Protein backbone atom coordinates (compact mmCIF):
# COMPACT_ATOMS: atom_id res chain seq x y z
CA MET A 1 -24.22 -60.57 48.95
CA GLU A 2 -21.69 -62.71 47.10
CA LEU A 3 -21.95 -62.75 43.22
CA PRO A 4 -21.95 -65.91 41.45
CA ALA A 5 -18.79 -66.67 39.44
CA VAL A 6 -19.80 -66.24 36.02
CA ASN A 7 -17.40 -66.12 33.09
CA LEU A 8 -17.65 -63.20 30.59
CA LYS A 9 -17.59 -66.07 27.90
CA ALA A 10 -20.79 -67.49 29.32
CA ILE A 11 -22.43 -64.17 29.23
CA LEU A 12 -21.44 -63.63 25.63
CA LEU A 13 -22.37 -67.14 24.55
CA PHE A 14 -25.90 -66.73 26.23
CA HIS A 15 -26.60 -63.40 24.64
CA TRP A 16 -25.27 -64.48 21.19
CA LEU A 17 -27.71 -67.48 21.36
CA LEU A 18 -30.65 -65.52 22.45
CA THR A 19 -29.77 -62.65 19.76
CA THR A 20 -29.54 -65.25 17.02
CA TRP A 21 -32.81 -66.72 17.76
CA GLY A 22 -34.35 -63.19 18.21
CA CYS A 23 -32.99 -62.21 14.72
CA ILE A 24 -35.39 -64.76 12.99
CA VAL A 25 -38.10 -62.13 13.40
CA PHE A 26 -36.21 -58.92 14.44
CA SER A 27 -33.58 -58.42 11.63
CA GLY A 28 -31.91 -55.19 10.37
CA ALA A 29 -31.12 -52.65 13.31
CA TYR A 30 -31.83 -55.18 16.00
CA ALA A 31 -29.23 -57.54 14.72
CA TRP A 32 -26.78 -54.80 13.96
CA ALA A 33 -27.04 -53.31 17.44
CA ASN A 34 -26.85 -56.62 19.43
CA PHE A 35 -24.13 -58.24 17.18
CA THR A 36 -21.88 -55.05 17.44
CA ILE A 37 -22.14 -55.01 21.28
CA LEU A 38 -21.33 -58.85 21.35
CA ALA A 39 -18.12 -57.98 19.24
CA LEU A 40 -17.21 -55.42 21.93
CA GLY A 41 -17.67 -58.28 24.45
CA VAL A 42 -15.33 -60.42 22.30
CA TRP A 43 -12.72 -57.59 22.62
CA ALA A 44 -13.23 -57.58 26.49
CA VAL A 45 -12.52 -61.41 26.56
CA ALA A 46 -9.51 -60.87 24.34
CA GLN A 47 -7.97 -58.15 26.37
CA ARG A 48 -8.34 -59.06 30.07
CA ASP A 49 -6.68 -56.15 31.44
CA SER A 50 -8.34 -53.52 29.45
CA ILE A 51 -10.78 -51.22 31.32
CA ASP A 52 -11.83 -49.56 28.00
CA ALA A 53 -13.00 -52.88 26.45
CA ILE A 54 -15.15 -53.93 29.28
CA GLY A 55 -16.34 -50.43 29.84
CA MET A 56 -17.51 -50.24 26.18
CA PHE A 57 -19.31 -53.65 26.48
CA LEU A 58 -20.94 -52.36 29.62
CA GLY A 59 -22.10 -49.24 27.98
CA GLY A 60 -23.34 -51.06 24.89
CA LEU A 61 -25.34 -53.55 26.93
CA LEU A 62 -26.97 -50.65 28.71
CA ALA A 63 -27.66 -48.97 25.42
CA THR A 64 -29.20 -52.13 23.83
CA ILE A 65 -31.52 -52.50 26.72
CA PHE A 66 -33.12 -49.28 25.51
CA LEU A 67 -32.76 -50.10 21.78
CA ASP A 68 -34.31 -53.56 22.26
CA ILE A 69 -37.34 -52.13 23.98
CA ILE A 70 -37.81 -49.76 20.93
CA HIS A 71 -37.25 -52.52 18.29
CA ILE A 72 -39.55 -55.09 19.97
CA SER A 73 -42.34 -52.51 20.53
CA ILE A 74 -42.22 -51.32 16.97
CA PHE A 75 -41.58 -54.62 14.98
CA TYR A 76 -43.53 -57.13 17.19
CA PRO A 77 -45.40 -59.30 14.75
CA ARG A 78 -49.03 -58.28 15.33
CA ALA A 79 -50.64 -60.59 12.62
CA GLY A 80 -49.97 -64.17 11.54
CA HIS A 81 -48.42 -65.55 14.75
CA SER A 82 -46.55 -68.67 13.67
CA ASP A 83 -44.66 -70.95 16.28
CA THR A 84 -41.37 -69.55 14.70
CA SER A 85 -42.29 -65.92 15.24
CA ASN A 86 -43.58 -66.58 18.75
CA PHE A 87 -40.32 -68.36 19.53
CA SER A 88 -38.13 -65.71 18.05
CA ALA A 89 -40.04 -62.84 19.86
CA GLY A 90 -39.83 -64.72 23.13
CA MET A 91 -36.12 -65.15 22.85
CA ALA A 92 -35.65 -61.39 21.89
CA ILE A 93 -37.76 -60.50 25.02
CA LEU A 94 -35.84 -63.05 27.22
CA SER A 95 -32.65 -61.50 26.08
CA LEU A 96 -34.06 -58.07 27.09
CA LEU A 97 -35.02 -59.27 30.43
CA VAL A 98 -31.69 -60.90 31.21
CA LYS A 99 -29.63 -57.95 30.19
CA PRO A 100 -29.94 -55.92 33.35
CA PHE A 101 -28.58 -58.80 35.28
CA SER A 102 -25.82 -59.31 32.72
CA CYS A 103 -25.03 -55.55 33.20
CA TYR A 104 -24.70 -56.09 36.91
CA LEU A 105 -22.27 -58.85 36.36
CA VAL A 106 -20.28 -57.05 33.82
CA TYR A 107 -20.18 -53.98 36.06
CA HIS A 108 -18.47 -55.97 38.72
CA MET A 109 -15.98 -57.30 36.25
CA TYR A 110 -15.39 -53.68 35.33
CA GLN A 111 -14.66 -52.81 38.94
CA GLU A 112 -12.27 -55.71 39.24
CA ARG A 113 -10.26 -54.48 36.24
CA GLY A 114 -9.89 -51.21 38.06
CA GLY A 115 -12.57 -49.19 36.45
CA GLU A 116 -14.83 -46.74 38.37
CA LEU A 117 -17.65 -44.58 37.48
CA PRO A 118 -16.60 -41.34 36.03
CA SER A 119 -17.56 -38.08 37.64
CA ARG A 120 -19.07 -35.25 35.47
CA ALA A 121 -15.67 -33.36 35.26
CA ASP A 122 -13.56 -36.21 34.03
CA PHE A 123 -15.98 -38.03 31.88
CA LEU A 124 -14.53 -37.07 28.55
CA ARG A 125 -10.90 -37.40 29.75
CA PRO A 126 -8.91 -40.31 28.36
CA SER A 127 -9.07 -43.42 30.50
CA GLN A 128 -6.10 -44.84 32.56
CA ASP A 129 -5.74 -48.18 30.77
CA GLN A 130 -3.61 -50.45 33.02
CA SER A 131 -1.84 -52.23 30.09
CA ALA A 132 1.95 -52.85 29.68
CA TYR A 133 2.29 -49.61 27.42
CA GLN A 134 5.06 -47.26 28.47
CA THR A 135 5.57 -44.01 26.88
CA ILE A 136 9.14 -43.25 25.63
CA ASP A 137 8.66 -39.50 25.81
CA SER A 138 10.91 -37.81 28.37
CA PRO A 139 9.10 -35.74 30.99
CA GLU A 140 11.84 -32.96 30.60
CA ALA A 141 11.19 -29.89 28.58
CA PRO A 142 12.97 -30.00 25.04
CA ALA A 143 16.32 -28.13 24.76
CA ASP A 144 16.28 -24.81 22.96
CA PRO A 145 17.70 -25.48 19.48
CA PHE A 146 18.93 -21.87 19.08
CA ALA A 147 20.90 -21.91 22.43
CA ASP A 148 24.67 -21.24 22.16
CA PRO A 149 26.37 -24.64 22.43
CA GLY A 150 29.39 -23.39 24.26
CA GLY A 151 27.19 -21.95 27.00
CA ARG A 152 28.94 -18.54 26.99
CA GLY A 153 25.68 -16.61 26.62
CA GLN A 154 26.72 -14.74 23.44
CA ALA A 155 24.19 -14.27 20.80
CA THR A 156 25.04 -15.08 17.19
CA PRO A 157 24.89 -12.23 14.74
CA GLY A 158 21.80 -12.25 12.63
CA TYR A 159 21.67 -11.53 8.95
């Protein structure tokens, strides 16, 4: 099945809009969680080659699915349903329902950048970011500072 060509910016804009409308009723932790993840998405847009940026955004989206379920179920307005609170709750629920599809699209973007799912053994290992960074350290072992510079093998007398 061919994936639709969706830009990461479009996903961010869509979730930002739904999150903003959802924050009318669900403020506090709901807003902090979702806007923090959207900031990670902005990082992923800014650094197009970074596997870490898109991976963090994907992990954050997955985490906010769980967090949104908790926030909506605990803080859903039970009394005094106004049109505004119904609209806001509906947008938060719509955002929650669309997030798995967004995760699917972001996962394919993650794979396009060279990311792969970590196995258990290398989960905590530093990632192999494919940026232009090159180390200046030499792979050779450092020279012994106490070696004889003449190379004669004679030890210097100690005091």
